[in-house]
Amino acid sequence: FLREKMARLLGVVPQVSQGWGPSGSILHDLRRAIKFLPLVISFCVR
């Protein structure tokens, strides 16, 4: 379960930067990445 979650999290940014993702849609992968933005903001700011 952890391996799957980490693979998703770590795989989103490189795939988006290459213009290709597991879904075949940059927009879809961006939405997945944005899902984690509150967490990033929480840890980096608050």
All heavy atoms as atom14 arrays in JSON, in Angstrom:
{
  "sequence": "FLREKMARLLGVVPQVSQGWGPSGSILHDLRRAIKFLPLVISFCVR",
  "atom14_mask": [
    [1, 1, 1, 1, 1, 1, 1, 1, 1, 1, 1, 0, 0, 0],
    [1, 1, 1, 1, 1, 1, 1, 1, 0, 0, 0, 0, 0, 0],
    [1, 1, 1, 1, 1, 1, 1, 1, 1, 1, 1, 0, 0, 0],
    [1, 1, 1, 1, 1, 1, 1, 1, 1, 0, 0, 0, 0, 0],
    [1, 1, 1, 1, 1, 1, 1, 1, 1, 0, 0, 0, 0, 0],
    [1, 1, 1, 1, 1, 1, 1, 1, 0, 0, 0, 0, 0, 0],
    [1, 1, 1, 1, 1, 0, 0, 0, 0, 0, 0, 0, 0, 0],
    [1, 1, 1, 1, 1, 1, 1, 1, 1, 1, 1, 0, 0, 0],
    [1, 1, 1, 1, 1, 1, 1, 1, 0, 0, 0, 0, 0, 0],
    [1, 1, 1, 1, 1, 1, 1, 1, 0, 0, 0, 0, 0, 0],
    [1, 1, 1, 1, 0, 0, 0, 0, 0, 0, 0, 0, 0, 0],
    [1, 1, 1, 1, 1, 1, 1, 0, 0, 0, 0, 0, 0, 0],
    [1, 1, 1, 1, 1, 1, 1, 0, 0, 0, 0, 0, 0, 0],
    [1, 1, 1, 1, 1, 1, 1, 0, 0, 0, 0, 0, 0, 0],
    [1, 1, 1, 1, 1, 1, 1, 1, 1, 0, 0, 0, 0, 0],
    [1, 1, 1, 1, 1, 1, 1, 0, 0, 0, 0, 0, 0, 0],
    [1, 1, 1, 1, 1, 1, 0, 0, 0, 0, 0, 0, 0, 0],
    [1, 1, 1, 1, 1, 1, 1, 1, 1, 0, 0, 0, 0, 0],
    [1, 1, 1, 1, 0, 0, 0, 0, 0, 0, 0, 0, 0, 0],
    [1, 1, 1, 1, 1, 1, 1, 1, 1, 1, 1, 1, 1, 1],
    [1, 1, 1, 1, 0, 0, 0, 0, 0, 0, 0, 0, 0, 0],
    [1, 1, 1, 1, 1, 1, 1, 0, 0, 0, 0, 0, 0, 0],
    [1, 1, 1, 1, 1, 1, 0, 0, 0, 0, 0, 0, 0, 0],
    [1, 1, 1, 1, 0, 0, 0, 0, 0, 0, 0, 0, 0, 0],
    [1, 1, 1, 1, 1, 1, 0, 0, 0, 0, 0, 0, 0, 0],
    [1, 1, 1, 1, 1, 1, 1, 1, 0, 0, 0, 0, 0, 0],
    [1, 1, 1, 1, 1, 1, 1, 1, 0, 0, 0, 0, 0, 0],
    [1, 1, 1, 1, 1, 1, 1, 1, 1, 1, 0, 0, 0, 0],
    [1, 1, 1, 1, 1, 1, 1, 1, 0, 0, 0, 0, 0, 0],
    [1, 1, 1, 1, 1, 1, 1, 1, 0, 0, 0, 0, 0, 0],
    [1, 1, 1, 1, 1, 1, 1, 1, 1, 1, 1, 0, 0, 0],
    [1, 1, 1, 1, 1, 1, 1, 1, 1, 1, 1, 0, 0, 0],
    [1, 1, 1, 1, 1, 0, 0, 0, 0, 0, 0, 0, 0, 0],
    [1, 1, 1, 1, 1, 1, 1, 1, 0, 0, 0, 0, 0, 0],
    [1, 1, 1, 1, 1, 1, 1, 1, 1, 0, 0, 0, 0, 0],
    [1, 1, 1, 1, 1, 1, 1, 1, 1, 1, 1, 0, 0, 0],
    [1, 1, 1, 1, 1, 1, 1, 1, 0, 0, 0, 0, 0, 0],
    [1, 1, 1, 1, 1, 1, 1, 0, 0, 0, 0, 0, 0, 0],
    [1, 1, 1, 1, 1, 1, 1, 1, 0, 0, 0, 0, 0, 0],
    [1, 1, 1, 1, 1, 1, 1, 0, 0, 0, 0, 0, 0, 0],
    [1, 1, 1, 1, 1, 1, 1, 1, 0, 0, 0, 0, 0, 0],
    [1, 1, 1, 1, 1, 1, 0, 0, 0, 0, 0, 0, 0, 0],
    [1, 1, 1, 1, 1, 1, 1, 1, 1, 1, 1, 0, 0, 0],
    [1, 1, 1, 1, 1, 1, 0, 0, 0, 0, 0, 0, 0, 0],
    [1, 1, 1, 1, 1, 1, 1, 0, 0, 0, 0, 0, 0, 0],
    [1, 1, 1, 1, 1, 1, 1, 1, 1, 1, 1, 0, 0, 0]
  ],
  "atom14_positions": [
    [[0.84, -1.2, 0.0], [0.0, 0.0, 0.0], [0.87, 1.25, 0.0], [0.62, 2.21, -0.75], [-0.92, -0.02, 1.22], [-1.89, 1.13, 1.28], [-3.09, 1.08, 0.58], [-1.61, 2.26, 2.01], [-3.98, 2.14, 0.62], [-2.5, 3.32, 2.07], [-3.69, 3.26, 1.36], [0.0, 0.0, 0.0], [0.0, 0.0, 0.0], [0.0, 0.0, 0.0]],
    [[1.91, 1.25, 0.83], [2.82, 2.4, 0.88], [3.58, 2.54, -0.42], [3.78, 3.65, -0.92], [3.8, 2.23, 2.05], [4.85, 3.33, 2.21], [4.18, 4.67, 2.48], [5.83, 2.97, 3.32], [0.0, 0.0, 0.0], [0.0, 0.0, 0.0], [0.0, 0.0, 0.0], [0.0, 0.0, 0.0], [0.0, 0.0, 0.0], [0.0, 0.0, 0.0]],
    [[4.01, 1.42, -0.99], [4.74, 1.45, -2.25], [3.89, 2.08, -3.35], [4.37, 2.89, -4.15], [5.17, 0.03, -2.62], [6.2, -0.02, -3.73], [6.92, -1.35, -3.77], [5.99, -2.47, -3.82], [6.0, -3.49, -2.98], [6.89, -3.53, -1.99], [5.14, -4.48, -3.09], [0.0, 0.0, 0.0], [0.0, 0.0, 0.0], [0.0, 0.0, 0.0]],
    [[2.61, 1.73, -3.36], [1.7, 2.27, -4.37], [1.53, 3.78, -4.19], [1.58, 4.56, -5.16], [0.34, 1.58, -4.27], [-0.71, 2.15, -5.2], [-2.1, 1.65, -4.86], [-2.23, 0.73, -4.02], [-3.06, 2.2, -5.42], [0.0, 0.0, 0.0], [0.0, 0.0, 0.0], [0.0, 0.0, 0.0], [0.0, 0.0, 0.0], [0.0, 0.0, 0.0]],
    [[1.33, 4.22, -2.93], [1.12, 5.64, -2.67], [2.36, 6.46, -3.03], [2.26, 7.54, -3.63], [0.77, 5.85, -1.19], [-0.64, 5.41, -0.82], [-1.66, 6.36, -1.42], [-3.07, 5.96, -1.07], [-4.07, 6.84, -1.68], [0.0, 0.0, 0.0], [0.0, 0.0, 0.0], [0.0, 0.0, 0.0], [0.0, 0.0, 0.0], [0.0, 0.0, 0.0]],
    [[3.52, 5.96, -2.65], [4.75, 6.7, -2.93], [5.03, 6.75, -4.43], [5.52, 7.74, -4.95], [5.92, 6.07, -2.19], [5.85, 6.2, -0.67], [5.63, 7.9, -0.12], [7.14, 8.65, -0.71], [0.0, 0.0, 0.0], [0.0, 0.0, 0.0], [0.0, 0.0, 0.0], [0.0, 0.0, 0.0], [0.0, 0.0, 0.0], [0.0, 0.0, 0.0]],
    [[4.72, 5.66, -5.13], [4.92, 5.63, -6.58], [4.04, 6.68, -7.26], [4.47, 7.37, -8.19], [4.62, 4.24, -7.12], [0.0, 0.0, 0.0], [0.0, 0.0, 0.0], [0.0, 0.0, 0.0], [0.0, 0.0, 0.0], [0.0, 0.0, 0.0], [0.0, 0.0, 0.0], [0.0, 0.0, 0.0], [0.0, 0.0, 0.0], [0.0, 0.0, 0.0]],
    [[2.81, 6.81, -6.78], [1.91, 7.82, -7.34], [2.42, 9.22, -7.09], [2.43, 10.07, -7.98], [0.51, 7.67, -6.75], [-0.26, 6.46, -7.26], [-1.65, 6.47, -6.69], [-2.43, 5.33, -7.15], [-3.69, 5.1, -6.79], [-4.29, 5.94, -5.95], [-4.34, 4.05, -7.25], [0.0, 0.0, 0.0], [0.0, 0.0, 0.0], [0.0, 0.0, 0.0]],
    [[2.83, 9.46, -5.84], [3.28, 10.8, -5.47], [4.55, 11.18, -6.21], [4.66, 12.27, -6.79], [3.5, 10.88, -3.95], [4.06, 12.21, -3.42], [3.08, 13.33, -3.71], [4.34, 12.1, -1.93], [0.0, 0.0, 0.0], [0.0, 0.0, 0.0], [0.0, 0.0, 0.0], [0.0, 0.0, 0.0], [0.0, 0.0, 0.0], [0.0, 0.0, 0.0]],
    [[5.53, 10.27, -6.2], [6.82, 10.57, -6.81], [6.76, 10.54, -8.33], [7.61, 11.12, -9.0], [7.87, 9.58, -6.3], [8.14, 9.62, -4.79], [9.13, 8.54, -4.4], [8.67, 10.98, -4.38], [0.0, 0.0, 0.0], [0.0, 0.0, 0.0], [0.0, 0.0, 0.0], [0.0, 0.0, 0.0], [0.0, 0.0, 0.0], [0.0, 0.0, 0.0]],
    [[5.77, 9.84, -8.87], [5.7, 9.7, -10.31], [5.0, 10.84, -11.02], [5.17, 11.04, -12.22], [0.0, 0.0, 0.0], [0.0, 0.0, 0.0], [0.0, 0.0, 0.0], [0.0, 0.0, 0.0], [0.0, 0.0, 0.0], [0.0, 0.0, 0.0], [0.0, 0.0, 0.0], [0.0, 0.0, 0.0], [0.0, 0.0, 0.0], [0.0, 0.0, 0.0]],
    [[4.23, 11.63, -10.28], [3.42, 12.67, -10.93], [4.28, 13.78, -11.54], [4.15, 14.1, -12.72], [2.42, 13.27, -9.92], [1.82, 14.56, -10.47], [1.32, 12.27, -9.64], [0.0, 0.0, 0.0], [0.0, 0.0, 0.0], [0.0, 0.0, 0.0], [0.0, 0.0, 0.0], [0.0, 0.0, 0.0], [0.0, 0.0, 0.0], [0.0, 0.0, 0.0]],
    [[5.2, 14.36, -10.76], [5.95, 15.52, -11.23], [6.82, 15.2, -12.45], [6.76, 15.91, -13.45], [6.8, 16.11, -10.08], [7.68, 17.25, -10.6], [5.88, 16.61, -8.97], [0.0, 0.0, 0.0], [0.0, 0.0, 0.0], [0.0, 0.0, 0.0], [0.0, 0.0, 0.0], [0.0, 0.0, 0.0], [0.0, 0.0, 0.0], [0.0, 0.0, 0.0]],
    [[7.64, 14.11, -12.41], [8.44, 13.81, -13.61], [7.57, 13.56, -14.85], [7.91, 13.98, -15.95], [9.21, 12.55, -13.22], [9.22, 12.57, -11.73], [7.93, 13.19, -11.33], [0.0, 0.0, 0.0], [0.0, 0.0, 0.0], [0.0, 0.0, 0.0], [0.0, 0.0, 0.0], [0.0, 0.0, 0.0], [0.0, 0.0, 0.0], [0.0, 0.0, 0.0]],
    [[6.42, 12.9, -14.65], [5.57, 12.59, -15.79], [4.97, 13.86, -16.38], [4.87, 14.02, -17.59], [4.47, 11.61, -15.36], [5.0, 10.22, -15.09], [4.06, 9.42, -14.21], [3.02, 9.91, -13.78], [4.41, 8.17, -13.95], [0.0, 0.0, 0.0], [0.0, 0.0, 0.0], [0.0, 0.0, 0.0], [0.0, 0.0, 0.0], [0.0, 0.0, 0.0]],
    [[4.57, 14.79, -15.5], [4.01, 16.04, -15.98], [5.05, 16.85, -16.74], [4.79, 17.43, -17.79], [3.44, 16.86, -14.8], [3.07, 18.27, -15.25], [2.22, 16.16, -14.23], [0.0, 0.0, 0.0], [0.0, 0.0, 0.0], [0.0, 0.0, 0.0], [0.0, 0.0, 0.0], [0.0, 0.0, 0.0], [0.0, 0.0, 0.0], [0.0, 0.0, 0.0]],
    [[6.29, 16.88, -16.19], [7.34, 17.67, -16.82], [7.7, 17.13, -18.2], [8.18, 17.86, -19.06], [8.58, 17.71, -15.93], [9.13, 16.4, -15.8], [0.0, 0.0, 0.0], [0.0, 0.0, 0.0], [0.0, 0.0, 0.0], [0.0, 0.0, 0.0], [0.0, 0.0, 0.0], [0.0, 0.0, 0.0], [0.0, 0.0, 0.0], [0.0, 0.0, 0.0]],
    [[7.49, 15.83, -18.42], [7.78, 15.23, -19.71], [6.59, 15.36, -20.67], [6.69, 14.96, -21.83], [8.12, 13.75, -19.54], [9.41, 13.52, -18.73], [9.58, 12.08, -18.33], [8.84, 11.21, -18.81], [10.53, 11.82, -17.46], [0.0, 0.0, 0.0], [0.0, 0.0, 0.0], [0.0, 0.0, 0.0], [0.0, 0.0, 0.0], [0.0, 0.0, 0.0]],
    [[5.47, 15.87, -20.17], [4.31, 16.03, -21.02], [3.55, 14.75, -21.25], [2.79, 14.63, -22.19], [0.0, 0.0, 0.0], [0.0, 0.0, 0.0], [0.0, 0.0, 0.0], [0.0, 0.0, 0.0], [0.0, 0.0, 0.0], [0.0, 0.0, 0.0], [0.0, 0.0, 0.0], [0.0, 0.0, 0.0], [0.0, 0.0, 0.0], [0.0, 0.0, 0.0]],
    [[3.78, 13.79, -20.39], [3.09, 12.5, -20.57], [2.88, 11.86, -19.21], [3.72, 11.97, -18.33], [3.92, 11.59, -21.47], [3.19, 10.33, -21.85], [3.4, 9.09, -21.37], [2.13, 10.2, -22.79], [2.54, 8.18, -21.94], [1.75, 8.85, -22.83], [1.44, 11.12, -23.61], [0.72, 8.37, -23.65], [0.44, 10.64, -24.43], [0.09, 9.28, -24.44]],
    [[1.78, 11.21, -19.0], [1.52, 10.57, -17.72], [0.84, 9.25, -17.91], [0.54, 8.86, -19.04], [0.0, 0.0, 0.0], [0.0, 0.0, 0.0], [0.0, 0.0, 0.0], [0.0, 0.0, 0.0], [0.0, 0.0, 0.0], [0.0, 0.0, 0.0], [0.0, 0.0, 0.0], [0.0, 0.0, 0.0], [0.0, 0.0, 0.0], [0.0, 0.0, 0.0]],
    [[0.58, 8.52, -16.82], [-0.04, 7.2, -16.93], [-1.43, 7.26, -17.55], [-1.9, 6.29, -18.12], [-0.09, 6.72, -15.47], [0.01, 7.96, -14.65], [0.87, 8.9, -15.44], [0.0, 0.0, 0.0], [0.0, 0.0, 0.0], [0.0, 0.0, 0.0], [0.0, 0.0, 0.0], [0.0, 0.0, 0.0], [0.0, 0.0, 0.0], [0.0, 0.0, 0.0]],
    [[-2.08, 8.4, -17.42], [-3.42, 8.52, -17.99], [-3.39, 8.96, -19.45], [-4.4, 8.92, -20.15], [-4.24, 9.53, -17.19], [-3.66, 10.82, -17.34], [0.0, 0.0, 0.0], [0.0, 0.0, 0.0], [0.0, 0.0, 0.0], [0.0, 0.0, 0.0], [0.0, 0.0, 0.0], [0.0, 0.0, 0.0], [0.0, 0.0, 0.0], [0.0, 0.0, 0.0]],
    [[-2.21, 9.4, -19.9], [-2.1, 9.95, -21.25], [-2.56, 11.39, -21.33], [-2.66, 11.96, -22.41], [0.0, 0.0, 0.0], [0.0, 0.0, 0.0], [0.0, 0.0, 0.0], [0.0, 0.0, 0.0], [0.0, 0.0, 0.0], [0.0, 0.0, 0.0], [0.0, 0.0, 0.0], [0.0, 0.0, 0.0], [0.0, 0.0, 0.0], [0.0, 0.0, 0.0]],
    [[-2.85, 12.02, -20.18], [-3.36, 13.39, -20.16], [-2.57, 14.22, -19.17], [-2.52, 13.9, -17.99], [-4.84, 13.39, -19.78], [-5.26, 14.7, -19.46], [0.0, 0.0, 0.0], [0.0, 0.0, 0.0], [0.0, 0.0, 0.0], [0.0, 0.0, 0.0], [0.0, 0.0, 0.0], [0.0, 0.0, 0.0], [0.0, 0.0, 0.0], [0.0, 0.0, 0.0]],
    [[-1.93, 15.3, -19.67], [-1.19, 16.19, -18.78], [-2.15, 16.82, -17.76], [-1.85, 16.95, -16.58], [-0.49, 17.29, -19.59], [0.57, 16.67, -20.5], [0.14, 18.33, -18.67], [1.27, 17.69, -21.38], [0.0, 0.0, 0.0], [0.0, 0.0, 0.0], [0.0, 0.0, 0.0], [0.0, 0.0, 0.0], [0.0, 0.0, 0.0], [0.0, 0.0, 0.0]],
    [[-3.34, 17.2, -18.22], [-4.32, 17.84, -17.36], [-4.72, 16.93, -16.2], [-4.83, 17.35, -15.05], [-5.54, 18.25, -18.17], [-6.64, 19.03, -17.4], [-6.06, 20.34, -16.85], [-7.83, 19.3, -18.31], [0.0, 0.0, 0.0], [0.0, 0.0, 0.0], [0.0, 0.0, 0.0], [0.0, 0.0, 0.0], [0.0, 0.0, 0.0], [0.0, 0.0, 0.0]],
    [[-4.92, 15.66, -16.52], [-5.3, 14.69, -15.49], [-4.2, 14.57, -14.44], [-4.47, 14.55, -13.23], [-5.58, 13.33, -16.14], [-5.95, 12.27, -15.16], [-5.01, 11.46, -14.54], [-7.17, 11.88, -14.69], [-5.63, 10.62, -13.73], [-6.93, 10.85, -13.8], [0.0, 0.0, 0.0], [0.0, 0.0, 0.0], [0.0, 0.0, 0.0], [0.0, 0.0, 0.0]],
    [[-2.96, 14.49, -14.9], [-1.85, 14.34, -13.95], [-1.65, 15.61, -13.13], [-1.28, 15.55, -11.96], [-0.57, 13.99, -14.69], [-0.6, 12.57, -15.25], [-1.25, 11.74, -14.61], [-0.01, 12.32, -16.3], [0.0, 0.0, 0.0], [0.0, 0.0, 0.0], [0.0, 0.0, 0.0], [0.0, 0.0, 0.0], [0.0, 0.0, 0.0], [0.0, 0.0, 0.0]],
    [[-1.91, 16.78, -13.73], [-1.82, 18.02, -12.98], [-2.86, 18.06, -11.87], [-2.59, 18.53, -10.76], [-1.99, 19.22, -13.91], [-0.76, 19.63, -14.73], [-1.11, 20.71, -15.72], [0.35, 20.1, -13.79], [0.0, 0.0, 0.0], [0.0, 0.0, 0.0], [0.0, 0.0, 0.0], [0.0, 0.0, 0.0], [0.0, 0.0, 0.0], [0.0, 0.0, 0.0]],
    [[-4.05, 17.58, -12.18], [-5.1, 17.54, -11.14], [-4.67, 16.65, -9.99], [-4.93, 16.95, -8.82], [-6.42, 17.04, -11.75], [-7.17, 18.12, -12.52], [-8.64, 17.75, -12.68], [-8.81, 16.52, -13.44], [-9.06, 16.49, -14.74], [-9.14, 17.63, -15.43], [-9.21, 15.34, -15.37], [0.0, 0.0, 0.0], [0.0, 0.0, 0.0], [0.0, 0.0, 0.0]],
    [[-4.04, 15.53, -10.31], [-3.55, 14.64, -9.25], [-2.47, 15.34, -8.43], [-2.42, 15.2, -7.2], [-2.99, 13.35, -9.86], [-4.06, 12.41, -10.37], [-3.45, 11.22, -11.1], [-2.46, 10.56, -10.28], [-1.58, 9.67, -10.75], [-1.57, 9.39, -12.03], [-0.73, 9.09, -9.94], [0.0, 0.0, 0.0], [0.0, 0.0, 0.0], [0.0, 0.0, 0.0]],
    [[-1.58, 16.05, -9.1], [-0.51, 16.74, -8.38], [-1.06, 17.83, -7.47], [-0.62, 18.02, -6.34], [0.5, 17.33, -9.36], [0.0, 0.0, 0.0], [0.0, 0.0, 0.0], [0.0, 0.0, 0.0], [0.0, 0.0, 0.0], [0.0, 0.0, 0.0], [0.0, 0.0, 0.0], [0.0, 0.0, 0.0], [0.0, 0.0, 0.0], [0.0, 0.0, 0.0]],
    [[-2.06, 18.59, -8.0], [-2.67, 19.67, -7.24], [-3.34, 19.15, -5.97], [-3.41, 19.85, -4.95], [-3.67, 20.44, -8.12], [-2.92, 21.23, -9.2], [-4.55, 21.38, -7.29], [-3.82, 21.84, -10.26], [0.0, 0.0, 0.0], [0.0, 0.0, 0.0], [0.0, 0.0, 0.0], [0.0, 0.0, 0.0], [0.0, 0.0, 0.0], [0.0, 0.0, 0.0]],
    [[-3.79, 17.91, -6.01], [-4.43, 17.32, -4.83], [-3.51, 17.37, -3.61], [-3.96, 17.49, -2.48], [-4.82, 15.86, -5.14], [-5.39, 15.11, -3.97], [-5.68, 13.66, -4.33], [-6.18, 12.89, -3.11], [-6.41, 11.46, -3.41], [0.0, 0.0, 0.0], [0.0, 0.0, 0.0], [0.0, 0.0, 0.0], [0.0, 0.0, 0.0], [0.0, 0.0, 0.0]],
    [[-2.19, 17.3, -3.85], [-1.25, 17.26, -2.74], [-0.73, 18.65, -2.36], [0.04, 18.79, -1.41], [-0.04, 16.37, -3.1], [-0.39, 14.93, -3.24], [-0.58, 14.35, -4.48], [-0.54, 14.13, -2.11], [-0.91, 13.02, -4.61], [-0.86, 12.79, -2.23], [-1.06, 12.22, -3.48], [0.0, 0.0, 0.0], [0.0, 0.0, 0.0], [0.0, 0.0, 0.0]],
    [[-1.17, 19.69, -3.07], [-0.68, 21.03, -2.76], [-0.98, 21.48, -1.33], [-0.13, 22.07, -0.68], [-1.25, 22.04, -3.77], [-0.51, 22.11, -5.11], [-1.18, 23.14, -6.02], [0.95, 22.47, -4.91], [0.0, 0.0, 0.0], [0.0, 0.0, 0.0], [0.0, 0.0, 0.0], [0.0, 0.0, 0.0], [0.0, 0.0, 0.0], [0.0, 0.0, 0.0]],
    [[-2.21, 21.24, -0.8], [-2.44, 21.65, 0.59], [-1.46, 21.0, 1.57], [-1.05, 21.64, 2.55], [-3.88, 21.18, 0.85], [-4.5, 21.12, -0.5], [-3.42, 20.69, -1.44], [0.0, 0.0, 0.0], [0.0, 0.0, 0.0], [0.0, 0.0, 0.0], [0.0, 0.0, 0.0], [0.0, 0.0, 0.0], [0.0, 0.0, 0.0], [0.0, 0.0, 0.0]],
    [[-1.12, 19.76, 1.3], [-0.16, 19.08, 2.18], [1.21, 19.76, 2.09], [1.86, 20.01, 3.1], [-0.04, 17.61, 1.8], [0.97, 16.78, 2.62], [0.51, 16.68, 4.05], [1.14, 15.41, 2.01], [0.0, 0.0, 0.0], [0.0, 0.0, 0.0], [0.0, 0.0, 0.0], [0.0, 0.0, 0.0], [0.0, 0.0, 0.0], [0.0, 0.0, 0.0]],
    [[1.65, 20.05, 0.87], [2.93, 20.71, 0.68], [2.94, 22.07, 1.35], [3.89, 22.45, 2.05], [3.24, 20.85, -0.83], [4.53, 21.66, -1.04], [3.37, 19.48, -1.47], [0.0, 0.0, 0.0], [0.0, 0.0, 0.0], [0.0, 0.0, 0.0], [0.0, 0.0, 0.0], [0.0, 0.0, 0.0], [0.0, 0.0, 0.0], [0.0, 0.0, 0.0]],
    [[1.86, 22.84, 1.17], [1.77, 24.16, 1.78], [1.79, 24.05, 3.31], [2.45, 24.82, 4.0], [0.49, 24.88, 1.32], [0.59, 25.19, -0.18], [0.26, 26.16, 2.12], [-0.71, 25.71, -0.78], [0.0, 0.0, 0.0], [0.0, 0.0, 0.0], [0.0, 0.0, 0.0], [0.0, 0.0, 0.0], [0.0, 0.0, 0.0], [0.0, 0.0, 0.0]],
    [[1.08, 23.04, 3.81], [1.02, 22.84, 5.26], [2.4, 22.6, 5.84], [2.77, 23.19, 6.86], [0.1, 21.66, 5.59], [0.15, 21.36, 6.96], [0.0, 0.0, 0.0], [0.0, 0.0, 0.0], [0.0, 0.0, 0.0], [0.0, 0.0, 0.0], [0.0, 0.0, 0.0], [0.0, 0.0, 0.0], [0.0, 0.0, 0.0], [0.0, 0.0, 0.0]],
    [[3.17, 21.73, 5.19], [4.48, 21.38, 5.71], [5.51, 22.48, 5.46], [6.41, 22.68, 6.27], [4.96, 20.05, 5.11], [4.46, 18.87, 5.87], [3.2, 18.35, 5.62], [5.22, 18.28, 6.85], [2.71, 17.26, 6.32], [4.75, 17.18, 7.56], [3.49, 16.67, 7.29], [0.0, 0.0, 0.0], [0.0, 0.0, 0.0], [0.0, 0.0, 0.0]],
    [[5.38, 23.18, 4.33], [6.39, 24.17, 3.98], [6.14, 25.54, 4.6], [7.07, 26.32, 4.77], [6.48, 24.31, 2.46], [7.09, 22.81, 1.65], [0.0, 0.0, 0.0], [0.0, 0.0, 0.0], [0.0, 0.0, 0.0], [0.0, 0.0, 0.0], [0.0, 0.0, 0.0], [0.0, 0.0, 0.0], [0.0, 0.0, 0.0], [0.0, 0.0, 0.0]],
    [[4.89, 25.84, 4.89], [4.57, 27.17, 5.4], [4.15, 27.12, 6.86], [4.75, 27.74, 7.73], [3.45, 27.82, 4.55], [3.11, 29.21, 5.1], [3.9, 27.92, 3.1], [0.0, 0.0, 0.0], [0.0, 0.0, 0.0], [0.0, 0.0, 0.0], [0.0, 0.0, 0.0], [0.0, 0.0, 0.0], [0.0, 0.0, 0.0], [0.0, 0.0, 0.0]],
    [[3.09, 26.34, 7.15], [2.56, 26.34, 8.52], [3.43, 25.55, 9.48], [3.67, 25.98, 10.61], [1.14, 25.76, 8.53], [0.11, 26.65, 7.84], [-1.3, 26.17, 8.13], [-1.53, 24.82, 7.66], [-1.94, 23.82, 8.42], [-2.13, 24.01, 9.7], [-2.15, 22.62, 7.9], [0.0, 0.0, 0.0], [0.0, 0.0, 0.0], [0.0, 0.0, 0.0]]
  ]
}
